[in-house]
Amino acid sequence: MGRRNQTRKNVRYGALQDNRRAKVAELLVKGNTQNQIWEEMSADEDYRNPQTGKPWAIGAIGDDVKYIRDQWQKIAQLHYDIHIGRLMGQIREVRKTAWASNELPIVLKTLEQEIKLLGLDKMSKTDIDWKEALRNRGINPTETLEDLVQSTYERMVLASEVPVE
């Protein structure tokens, strides 16, 4: 019986929180600050803490603002990734058709578009040629890489050894 009551209480609190966050989101999109949101919600009887009858703490509103912005960011990133994927598919389909028609200027144009879309046009020489950047600093990249591989291998061997009694 106690567990069922706790479940009901959690469901009610979740619904209350969702309702409060919906109002916070509504006020956020109108350009209100956290303090302005708290003030407006404090004046509204429908948005008070049901346990105390008092306005929600400004910290609770702040947590809601952070949660909402995080959710918006996740949604924006998802939509961005979907959009980029769709554009990449379209560019590649055009390029495939251009190759089949032997339209090399269009092939080159689609390659340029893909490079820009992926941000490869903004990479610096150092990003592309890390070995040269190391050489310019007097470091042998081959030795450095071999040292790193050897060190990693030794750590893996040590970590996998069973202690001898």
N, C-alpha and C. Protein backbone atom coordinates (compact mmCIF):
# COMPACT_ATOMS: atom_id res chain seq x y z
N MET A 1 0.82 -1.20 0.00
CA MET A 1 0.00 0.00 0.00
C MET A 1 0.86 1.25 0.00
N GLY A 2 1.94 1.25 0.79
CA GLY A 2 2.81 2.41 0.87
C GLY A 2 3.48 2.72 -0.45
N ARG A 3 3.87 1.67 -1.16
CA ARG A 3 4.54 1.86 -2.45
C ARG A 3 3.60 2.46 -3.48
N ARG A 4 2.33 2.02 -3.45
CA ARG A 4 1.34 2.55 -4.38
C ARG A 4 1.09 4.03 -4.13
N ASN A 5 1.01 4.43 -2.86
CA ASN A 5 0.81 5.84 -2.52
C ASN A 5 2.00 6.67 -2.98
N GLN A 6 3.22 6.14 -2.81
CA GLN A 6 4.42 6.86 -3.25
C GLN A 6 4.41 7.04 -4.77
N THR A 7 3.98 6.00 -5.48
CA THR A 7 3.90 6.08 -6.94
C THR A 7 2.91 7.16 -7.36
N ARG A 8 1.75 7.19 -6.71
CA ARG A 8 0.76 8.23 -7.02
C ARG A 8 1.31 9.61 -6.74
N LYS A 9 2.02 9.74 -5.63
CA LYS A 9 2.60 11.02 -5.25
C LYS A 9 3.63 11.46 -6.29
N ASN A 10 4.48 10.51 -6.76
CA ASN A 10 5.48 10.83 -7.78
C ASN A 10 4.83 11.24 -9.09
N VAL A 11 3.75 10.56 -9.46
CA VAL A 11 3.03 10.89 -10.70
C VAL A 11 2.44 12.29 -10.59
N ARG A 12 1.82 12.58 -9.43
CA ARG A 12 1.24 13.92 -9.24
C ARG A 12 2.32 14.99 -9.31
N TYR A 13 3.47 14.73 -8.65
CA TYR A 13 4.55 15.71 -8.66
C TYR A 13 5.07 15.90 -10.08
N GLY A 14 5.20 14.80 -10.83
CA GLY A 14 5.68 14.90 -12.22
C GLY A 14 4.73 15.73 -13.07
N ALA A 15 3.43 15.53 -12.88
CA ALA A 15 2.44 16.31 -13.63
C ALA A 15 2.51 17.78 -13.23
N LEU A 16 2.67 18.02 -11.94
CA LEU A 16 2.80 19.39 -11.43
C LEU A 16 4.02 20.08 -12.03
N GLN A 17 5.12 19.34 -12.02
CA GLN A 17 6.38 19.87 -12.56
C GLN A 17 6.25 20.16 -14.06
N ASP A 18 5.63 19.23 -14.80
CA ASP A 18 5.42 19.44 -16.23
C ASP A 18 4.57 20.67 -16.49
N ASN A 19 3.52 20.85 -15.69
CA ASN A 19 2.64 22.01 -15.82
C ASN A 19 3.42 23.31 -15.55
N ARG A 20 4.22 23.29 -14.48
CA ARG A 20 5.02 24.48 -14.13
C ARG A 20 6.03 24.77 -15.24
N ARG A 21 6.69 23.72 -15.75
CA ARG A 21 7.69 23.92 -16.80
C ARG A 21 7.07 24.43 -18.09
N ALA A 22 5.85 24.00 -18.37
CA ALA A 22 5.16 24.50 -19.57
C ALA A 22 4.95 26.01 -19.46
N LYS A 23 4.55 26.46 -18.27
CA LYS A 23 4.35 27.90 -18.04
C LYS A 23 5.68 28.64 -18.13
N VAL A 24 6.74 28.06 -17.53
CA VAL A 24 8.07 28.68 -17.58
C VAL A 24 8.51 28.80 -19.04
N ALA A 25 8.31 27.75 -19.82
CA ALA A 25 8.70 27.77 -21.23
C ALA A 25 7.94 28.84 -22.00
N GLU A 26 6.65 28.94 -21.71
CA GLU A 26 5.81 29.96 -22.36
C GLU A 26 6.36 31.36 -22.08
N LEU A 27 6.75 31.60 -20.84
CA LEU A 27 7.26 32.92 -20.46
C LEU A 27 8.68 33.15 -21.00
N LEU A 28 9.46 32.06 -21.09
CA LEU A 28 10.82 32.18 -21.64
C LEU A 28 10.80 32.63 -23.10
N VAL A 29 9.91 32.00 -23.88
CA VAL A 29 9.86 32.34 -25.30
C VAL A 29 9.39 33.77 -25.54
N LYS A 30 8.76 34.36 -24.54
CA LYS A 30 8.34 35.76 -24.63
C LYS A 30 9.45 36.71 -24.23
N GLY A 31 10.62 36.13 -23.86
CA GLY A 31 11.77 36.96 -23.55
C GLY A 31 11.91 37.34 -22.09
N ASN A 32 11.13 36.73 -21.22
CA ASN A 32 11.21 37.04 -19.79
C ASN A 32 12.48 36.47 -19.16
N THR A 33 13.02 37.17 -18.20
CA THR A 33 14.16 36.67 -17.43
C THR A 33 13.64 35.71 -16.35
N GLN A 34 14.56 35.02 -15.70
CA GLN A 34 14.18 34.11 -14.62
C GLN A 34 13.43 34.85 -13.52
N ASN A 35 13.90 36.03 -13.13
CA ASN A 35 13.22 36.80 -12.09
C ASN A 35 11.83 37.24 -12.52
N GLN A 36 11.70 37.67 -13.77
CA GLN A 36 10.39 38.08 -14.26
C GLN A 36 9.42 36.90 -14.28
N ILE A 37 9.95 35.72 -14.67
CA ILE A 37 9.11 34.52 -14.67
C ILE A 37 8.65 34.21 -13.25
N TRP A 38 9.57 34.26 -12.31
CA TRP A 38 9.23 33.97 -10.91
C TRP A 38 8.17 34.96 -10.40
N GLU A 39 8.36 36.24 -10.73
CA GLU A 39 7.40 37.24 -10.27
C GLU A 39 6.01 36.99 -10.85
N GLU A 40 5.94 36.70 -12.14
CA GLU A 40 4.64 36.48 -12.77
C GLU A 40 3.98 35.21 -12.23
N MET A 41 4.76 34.16 -12.04
CA MET A 41 4.19 32.91 -11.54
C MET A 41 3.82 33.02 -10.06
N SER A 42 4.56 33.83 -9.32
CA SER A 42 4.24 34.03 -7.90
C SER A 42 2.89 34.71 -7.73
N ALA A 43 2.53 35.56 -8.67
CA ALA A 43 1.27 36.30 -8.59
C ALA A 43 0.09 35.46 -9.06
N ASP A 44 0.38 34.33 -9.71
CA ASP A 44 -0.69 33.49 -10.25
C ASP A 44 -0.98 32.32 -9.30
N GLU A 45 -2.19 32.26 -8.77
CA GLU A 45 -2.58 31.22 -7.81
C GLU A 45 -2.46 29.81 -8.39
N ASP A 46 -2.58 29.70 -9.71
CA ASP A 46 -2.52 28.37 -10.35
C ASP A 46 -1.10 27.80 -10.37
N TYR A 47 -0.11 28.62 -10.14
CA TYR A 47 1.28 28.17 -10.22
C TYR A 47 1.98 28.33 -8.88
N ARG A 48 1.38 27.79 -7.85
CA ARG A 48 1.98 27.82 -6.51
C ARG A 48 2.27 26.40 -6.07
N ASN A 49 3.17 26.28 -5.14
CA ASN A 49 3.50 24.98 -4.57
C ASN A 49 2.28 24.48 -3.80
N PRO A 50 1.69 23.35 -4.21
CA PRO A 50 0.46 22.89 -3.56
C PRO A 50 0.67 22.45 -2.11
N GLN A 51 1.88 22.09 -1.74
CA GLN A 51 2.14 21.66 -0.36
C GLN A 51 2.16 22.84 0.60
N THR A 52 2.68 23.97 0.11
CA THR A 52 2.82 25.13 1.00
C THR A 52 1.83 26.24 0.68
N GLY A 53 1.30 26.23 -0.53
CA GLY A 53 0.42 27.32 -0.95
C GLY A 53 1.18 28.58 -1.30
N LYS A 54 2.49 28.51 -1.19
CA LYS A 54 3.34 29.68 -1.48
C LYS A 54 3.92 29.55 -2.89
N PRO A 55 4.45 30.66 -3.41
CA PRO A 55 5.10 30.58 -4.72
C PRO A 55 6.27 29.59 -4.69
N TRP A 56 6.54 29.00 -5.84
CA TRP A 56 7.70 28.13 -5.95
C TRP A 56 8.95 28.96 -5.68
N ALA A 57 9.96 28.32 -5.13
CA ALA A 57 11.23 29.00 -4.88
C ALA A 57 11.85 29.42 -6.20
N ILE A 58 12.55 30.53 -6.19
CA ILE A 58 13.19 31.00 -7.42
C ILE A 58 14.20 29.98 -7.93
N GLY A 59 14.76 29.19 -7.02
CA GLY A 59 15.69 28.12 -7.43
C GLY A 59 14.99 27.06 -8.26
N ALA A 60 13.75 26.74 -7.91
CA ALA A 60 12.97 25.76 -8.67
C ALA A 60 12.71 26.29 -10.08
N ILE A 61 12.40 27.58 -10.16
CA ILE A 61 12.18 28.20 -11.48
C ILE A 61 13.49 28.19 -12.27
N GLY A 62 14.59 28.48 -11.59
CA GLY A 62 15.91 28.44 -12.25
C GLY A 62 16.23 27.06 -12.77
N ASP A 63 15.91 26.02 -11.98
CA ASP A 63 16.11 24.65 -12.44
C ASP A 63 15.26 24.35 -13.67
N ASP A 64 14.03 24.86 -13.65
CA ASP A 64 13.15 24.66 -14.80
C ASP A 64 13.72 25.35 -16.04
N VAL A 65 14.20 26.56 -15.88
CA VAL A 65 14.78 27.30 -17.01
C VAL A 65 15.95 26.51 -17.59
N LYS A 66 16.83 26.01 -16.74
CA LYS A 66 17.99 25.23 -17.20
C LYS A 66 17.52 23.96 -17.92
N TYR A 67 16.57 23.26 -17.34
CA TYR A 67 16.05 22.03 -17.94
C TYR A 67 15.45 22.32 -19.32
N ILE A 68 14.65 23.36 -19.40
CA ILE A 68 13.99 23.71 -20.67
C ILE A 68 15.02 24.07 -21.73
N ARG A 69 15.99 24.88 -21.37
CA ARG A 69 17.03 25.25 -22.34
C ARG A 69 17.83 24.05 -22.80
N ASP A 70 18.13 23.13 -21.87
CA ASP A 70 18.83 21.89 -22.25
C ASP A 70 18.00 21.08 -23.24
N GLN A 71 16.70 20.98 -22.98
CA GLN A 71 15.82 20.24 -23.88
C GLN A 71 15.75 20.91 -25.25
N TRP A 72 15.64 22.21 -25.27
CA TRP A 72 15.62 22.93 -26.54
C TRP A 72 16.92 22.71 -27.31
N GLN A 73 18.04 22.70 -26.61
CA GLN A 73 19.33 22.48 -27.25
C GLN A 73 19.40 21.08 -27.87
N LYS A 74 18.91 20.08 -27.15
CA LYS A 74 18.90 18.71 -27.67
C LYS A 74 18.03 18.61 -28.91
N ILE A 75 16.88 19.25 -28.87
CA ILE A 75 15.98 19.22 -30.02
C ILE A 75 16.61 19.92 -31.21
N ALA A 76 17.23 21.06 -30.96
CA ALA A 76 17.88 21.81 -32.03
C ALA A 76 19.01 20.98 -32.66
N GLN A 77 19.80 20.31 -31.83
CA GLN A 77 20.90 19.49 -32.34
C GLN A 77 20.37 18.33 -33.17
N LEU A 78 19.30 17.71 -32.70
CA LEU A 78 18.70 16.60 -33.44
C LEU A 78 18.22 17.08 -34.80
N HIS A 79 17.51 18.19 -34.83
CA HIS A 79 17.01 18.72 -36.09
C HIS A 79 18.16 19.12 -37.01
N TYR A 80 19.22 19.68 -36.44
CA TYR A 80 20.40 20.07 -37.22
C TYR A 80 21.03 18.83 -37.86
N ASP A 81 21.22 17.78 -37.08
CA ASP A 81 21.83 16.56 -37.59
C ASP A 81 20.97 15.93 -38.68
N ILE A 82 19.65 15.94 -38.48
CA ILE A 82 18.74 15.40 -39.49
C ILE A 82 18.84 16.23 -40.77
N HIS A 83 18.88 17.54 -40.63
CA HIS A 83 18.96 18.43 -41.79
C HIS A 83 20.27 18.22 -42.54
N ILE A 84 21.38 18.13 -41.82
CA ILE A 84 22.68 17.90 -42.46
C ILE A 84 22.68 16.57 -43.20
N GLY A 85 22.13 15.54 -42.56
CA GLY A 85 22.05 14.23 -43.20
C GLY A 85 21.23 14.26 -44.49
N ARG A 86 20.12 14.99 -44.44
CA ARG A 86 19.28 15.10 -45.63
C ARG A 86 20.01 15.84 -46.75
N LEU A 87 20.69 16.92 -46.40
CA LEU A 87 21.45 17.67 -47.41
C LEU A 87 22.57 16.83 -48.01
N MET A 88 23.26 16.06 -47.15
CA MET A 88 24.33 15.21 -47.66
C MET A 88 23.77 14.19 -48.64
N GLY A 89 22.62 13.61 -48.33
CA GLY A 89 21.99 12.64 -49.23
C GLY A 89 21.62 13.27 -50.57
N GLN A 90 21.10 14.50 -50.52
CA GLN A 90 20.74 15.19 -51.75
C GLN A 90 21.96 15.51 -52.60
N ILE A 91 23.01 16.01 -51.95
CA ILE A 91 24.24 16.35 -52.68
C ILE A 91 24.81 15.10 -53.35
N ARG A 92 24.83 14.00 -52.63
CA ARG A 92 25.41 12.76 -53.17
C ARG A 92 24.56 12.20 -54.30
N GLU A 93 23.25 12.36 -54.21
CA GLU A 93 22.37 11.89 -55.29
C GLU A 93 22.61 12.71 -56.55
N VAL A 94 22.75 14.04 -56.41
CA VAL A 94 23.05 14.89 -57.56
C VAL A 94 24.39 14.50 -58.17
N ARG A 95 25.39 14.25 -57.32
CA ARG A 95 26.72 13.88 -57.80
C ARG A 95 26.67 12.54 -58.56
N LYS A 96 25.90 11.57 -58.04
CA LYS A 96 25.78 10.27 -58.69
C LYS A 96 25.18 10.44 -60.10
N THR A 97 24.16 11.26 -60.19
CA THR A 97 23.52 11.52 -61.48
C THR A 97 24.50 12.25 -62.41
N ALA A 98 25.24 13.20 -61.87
CA ALA A 98 26.21 13.95 -62.68
C ALA A 98 27.32 13.03 -63.20
N TRP A 99 27.78 12.12 -62.36
CA TRP A 99 28.81 11.16 -62.82
C TRP A 99 28.26 10.32 -63.97
N ALA A 100 27.01 9.86 -63.82
CA ALA A 100 26.40 9.01 -64.84
C ALA A 100 26.25 9.76 -66.17
N SER A 101 26.05 11.08 -66.09
CA SER A 101 25.88 11.91 -67.29
C SER A 101 27.19 12.52 -67.75
N ASN A 102 28.28 12.20 -67.04
CA ASN A 102 29.60 12.74 -67.33
C ASN A 102 29.62 14.27 -67.28
N GLU A 103 28.88 14.85 -66.33
CA GLU A 103 28.83 16.30 -66.14
C GLU A 103 29.81 16.67 -65.03
N LEU A 104 31.08 16.74 -65.39
CA LEU A 104 32.14 16.95 -64.41
C LEU A 104 32.05 18.29 -63.66
N PRO A 105 31.61 19.38 -64.28
CA PRO A 105 31.47 20.61 -63.50
C PRO A 105 30.47 20.47 -62.34
N ILE A 106 29.41 19.71 -62.56
CA ILE A 106 28.43 19.50 -61.49
C ILE A 106 29.02 18.59 -60.41
N VAL A 107 29.80 17.59 -60.83
CA VAL A 107 30.47 16.71 -59.86
C VAL A 107 31.36 17.55 -58.96
N LEU A 108 32.17 18.43 -59.56
CA LEU A 108 33.06 19.29 -58.78
C LEU A 108 32.28 20.21 -57.85
N LYS A 109 31.18 20.75 -58.35
CA LYS A 109 30.36 21.65 -57.53
C LYS A 109 29.80 20.90 -56.31
N THR A 110 29.34 19.67 -56.51
CA THR A 110 28.80 18.90 -55.37
C THR A 110 29.90 18.56 -54.38
N LEU A 111 31.10 18.31 -54.87
CA LEU A 111 32.22 18.05 -53.95
C LEU A 111 32.51 19.30 -53.11
N GLU A 112 32.50 20.46 -53.76
CA GLU A 112 32.72 21.71 -53.04
C GLU A 112 31.63 21.93 -51.98
N GLN A 113 30.39 21.64 -52.34
CA GLN A 113 29.29 21.81 -51.40
C GLN A 113 29.43 20.88 -50.20
N GLU A 114 29.84 19.65 -50.45
CA GLU A 114 30.02 18.70 -49.35
C GLU A 114 31.17 19.13 -48.44
N ILE A 115 32.24 19.62 -49.05
CA ILE A 115 33.39 20.10 -48.26
C ILE A 115 32.95 21.24 -47.35
N LYS A 116 32.18 22.17 -47.88
CA LYS A 116 31.70 23.30 -47.06
C LYS A 116 30.73 22.83 -45.98
N LEU A 117 29.84 21.93 -46.35
CA LEU A 117 28.86 21.44 -45.39
C LEU A 117 29.53 20.74 -44.20
N LEU A 118 30.60 20.02 -44.47
CA LEU A 118 31.33 19.31 -43.41
C LEU A 118 32.35 20.19 -42.70
N GLY A 119 32.56 21.40 -43.22
CA GLY A 119 33.50 22.32 -42.57
C GLY A 119 34.95 22.01 -42.89
N LEU A 120 35.18 21.18 -43.90
CA LEU A 120 36.56 20.81 -44.25
C LEU A 120 37.32 21.98 -44.87
N ASP A 121 36.60 22.96 -45.39
CA ASP A 121 37.24 24.14 -45.96
C ASP A 121 37.81 25.05 -44.90
N LYS A 122 37.44 24.85 -43.66
CA LYS A 122 37.90 25.71 -42.57
C LYS A 122 39.06 25.10 -41.79
N MET A 123 39.47 23.89 -42.18
CA MET A 123 40.56 23.24 -41.47
C MET A 123 41.88 23.94 -41.82
N SER A 124 42.73 24.05 -40.83
CA SER A 124 44.02 24.67 -41.07
C SER A 124 45.02 23.62 -41.49
N LYS A 125 46.14 24.08 -42.01
CA LYS A 125 47.22 23.18 -42.42
C LYS A 125 47.68 22.33 -41.24
N THR A 126 47.71 22.91 -40.06
CA THR A 126 48.13 22.17 -38.86
C THR A 126 47.15 21.05 -38.57
N ASP A 127 45.85 21.30 -38.75
CA ASP A 127 44.86 20.26 -38.54
C ASP A 127 45.07 19.10 -39.50
N ILE A 128 45.44 19.42 -40.72
CA ILE A 128 45.58 18.40 -41.75
C ILE A 128 46.92 17.68 -41.62
N ASP A 129 48.00 18.39 -41.34
CA ASP A 129 49.33 17.78 -41.31
C ASP A 129 49.95 17.91 -39.92
N TRP A 130 49.51 17.07 -39.00
CA TRP A 130 50.02 17.10 -37.63
C TRP A 130 51.48 16.69 -37.57
N LYS A 131 51.91 15.83 -38.49
CA LYS A 131 53.31 15.40 -38.49
C LYS A 131 54.23 16.59 -38.77
N GLU A 132 53.85 17.41 -39.73
CA GLU A 132 54.67 18.59 -40.08
C GLU A 132 54.70 19.58 -38.92
N ALA A 133 53.56 19.74 -38.24
CA ALA A 133 53.52 20.64 -37.09
C ALA A 133 54.48 20.16 -36.00
N LEU A 134 54.55 18.86 -35.76
CA LEU A 134 55.49 18.33 -34.77
C LEU A 134 56.94 18.54 -35.22
N ARG A 135 57.21 18.28 -36.50
CA ARG A 135 58.58 18.48 -37.02
C ARG A 135 59.02 19.93 -36.84
N ASN A 136 58.12 20.87 -37.07
CA ASN A 136 58.45 22.28 -36.92
C ASN A 136 58.81 22.63 -35.49
N ARG A 137 58.37 21.84 -34.56
CA ARG A 137 58.69 22.06 -33.15
C ARG A 137 59.87 21.21 -32.70
N GLY A 138 60.53 20.55 -33.67
CA GLY A 138 61.70 19.74 -33.34
C GLY A 138 61.37 18.38 -32.75
N ILE A 139 60.18 17.90 -33.01
CA ILE A 139 59.77 16.60 -32.49
C ILE A 139 59.64 15.63 -33.64
N ASN A 140 60.20 14.43 -33.47
CA ASN A 140 60.10 13.40 -34.50
C ASN A 140 58.75 12.71 -34.34
N PRO A 141 57.82 12.87 -35.30
CA PRO A 141 56.48 12.31 -35.15
C PRO A 141 56.48 10.79 -35.14
N THR A 142 57.36 10.17 -35.90
CA THR A 142 57.40 8.71 -35.94
C THR A 142 57.80 8.16 -34.57
N GLU A 143 58.87 8.74 -34.00
CA GLU A 143 59.31 8.29 -32.67
C GLU A 143 58.23 8.56 -31.63
N THR A 144 57.59 9.70 -31.71
CA THR A 144 56.55 10.06 -30.75
C THR A 144 55.39 9.07 -30.82
N LEU A 145 54.97 8.73 -32.02
CA LEU A 145 53.88 7.78 -32.20
C LEU A 145 54.29 6.39 -31.70
N GLU A 146 55.52 5.97 -32.05
CA GLU A 146 55.99 4.66 -31.59
C GLU A 146 56.09 4.62 -30.06
N ASP A 147 56.57 5.71 -29.44
CA ASP A 147 56.65 5.77 -27.98
C ASP A 147 55.26 5.66 -27.36
N LEU A 148 54.30 6.34 -27.96
CA LEU A 148 52.94 6.30 -27.45
C LEU A 148 52.35 4.89 -27.55
N VAL A 149 52.56 4.24 -28.69
CA VAL A 149 52.06 2.88 -28.88
C VAL A 149 52.72 1.93 -27.90
N GLN A 150 54.04 2.04 -27.74
CA GLN A 150 54.77 1.16 -26.82
C GLN A 150 54.29 1.37 -25.38
N SER A 151 54.15 2.62 -24.99
CA SER A 151 53.70 2.94 -23.63
C SER A 151 52.30 2.38 -23.38
N THR A 152 51.42 2.54 -24.35
CA THR A 152 50.05 2.02 -24.22
C THR A 152 50.06 0.50 -24.12
N TYR A 153 50.89 -0.13 -24.94
CA TYR A 153 51.00 -1.60 -24.91
C TYR A 153 51.50 -2.08 -23.55
N GLU A 154 52.51 -1.41 -23.02
CA GLU A 154 53.05 -1.79 -21.72
C GLU A 154 52.00 -1.64 -20.61
N ARG A 155 51.22 -0.59 -20.66
CA ARG A 155 50.17 -0.39 -19.67
C ARG A 155 49.10 -1.47 -19.77
N MET A 156 48.78 -1.86 -21.00
CA MET A 156 47.78 -2.91 -21.19
C MET A 156 48.30 -4.24 -20.64
N VAL A 157 49.58 -4.55 -20.88
CA VAL A 157 50.16 -5.78 -20.37
C VAL A 157 50.16 -5.78 -18.85
N LEU A 158 50.59 -4.66 -18.25
CA LEU A 158 50.62 -4.56 -16.79
C LEU A 158 49.23 -4.71 -16.18
N ALA A 159 48.25 -4.11 -16.85
CA ALA A 159 46.88 -4.16 -16.33
C ALA A 159 46.28 -5.55 -16.42
N SER A 160 46.75 -6.34 -17.38
CA SER A 160 46.17 -7.68 -17.56
C SER A 160 46.90 -8.76 -16.77
N GLU A 161 48.05 -8.45 -16.21
CA GLU A 161 48.81 -9.44 -15.46
C GLU A 161 48.13 -9.75 -14.15
N VAL A 162 48.13 -11.03 -13.81
CA VAL A 162 47.57 -11.49 -12.55
C VAL A 162 48.70 -11.46 -11.53
N PRO A 163 48.47 -10.89 -10.37
CA PRO A 163 49.54 -10.83 -9.34
C PRO A 163 49.99 -12.23 -8.93
N VAL A 164 51.29 -12.39 -8.82
CA VAL A 164 51.87 -13.68 -8.41
C VAL A 164 52.03 -13.67 -6.90
N GLU A 165 51.58 -14.76 -6.24
CA GLU A 165 51.67 -14.83 -4.78
C GLU A 165 52.91 -15.57 -4.35
